[in-house]
Amino acid sequence: MKSGSCVDSVAFCSYSWVFSTGDDLNGPPRVIEEPTCVNTTQSPSAYINTQDACLNAVISARFTHDMEDQSLRSENMTVRRCNTGGAFDPGACTSTVTIRRVDIINSNQPGEGFLAVPSGQLNPDTWYQIELSTGFTATNGQTLQTPYTWSYKTQVGDSQCEPDHVEVTPSAATLGQI
C-alpha cells in the first residue's frame, strides 16, 4: 500500500449453526425404537416381532427422556407368556411372567431405561408380550401417554446365547473412585 492512499478492505466471516429436529424433552417420553446394537443398546429388547430371541436374554427398553428412577420398576410392566410356534396370537397371552429384578441403564440422562430380569428362564419357541404402563414418568413430570406394547418369540431349542459384544452404560462418565 502506498503512503497516503486508502484502500477499503472488507472482512469476510463465516458463521455456522447446528439445528436439531430431535426429541422434545419438554413433551411426554416415548420408548426409543432401535433395532440394532451397533452404536447403543437395542430398544426395546428383544426387538419388536423378533422370532429367535435368546432364552437367557433380559427384557429392556430405553426412553427419549431422563426418567424418574422410582418409575423404572416391575410394577409398571407386564410380561405375558402367549402361544408357542407359528404366528403371534394376542388372545393366547394368559399367563404372567414374574420379574425378579429391574436395573436402570443410562441413569440421569435422555436415553435412560431399564433391564428387567425374569424370575426364571423363558420357554423356547414361545411368544411373549410386554406391556409398559403409563406409570413410567420422566423427570419433567410427564408420563407415557398410552401403554407401550410389543411382542416377540424365543428361539427354538433350549441352548443359551453367548454375548457377542459388551455395552457399558453410561457410555460417558467420570469415575470418582474405583
Foldseek 3Di string as FASTA:
>chain_A
DDPPDDDDDDDDDDDDDDDDPDDDQLDAKDWDQACDPPPHDHAQPVHFAAAAHFQQAWGKIWIQAQWDVVLQDPVQKWKFWAAFADDGDPVRRDDTFAFPDKDWFQHPGGRIMITTGTPDTDDARTKMKMKGQQSTAHPSGGTDPGIDMGMYHHHHDNDGDDDPDDDDPPPDDDDPDD
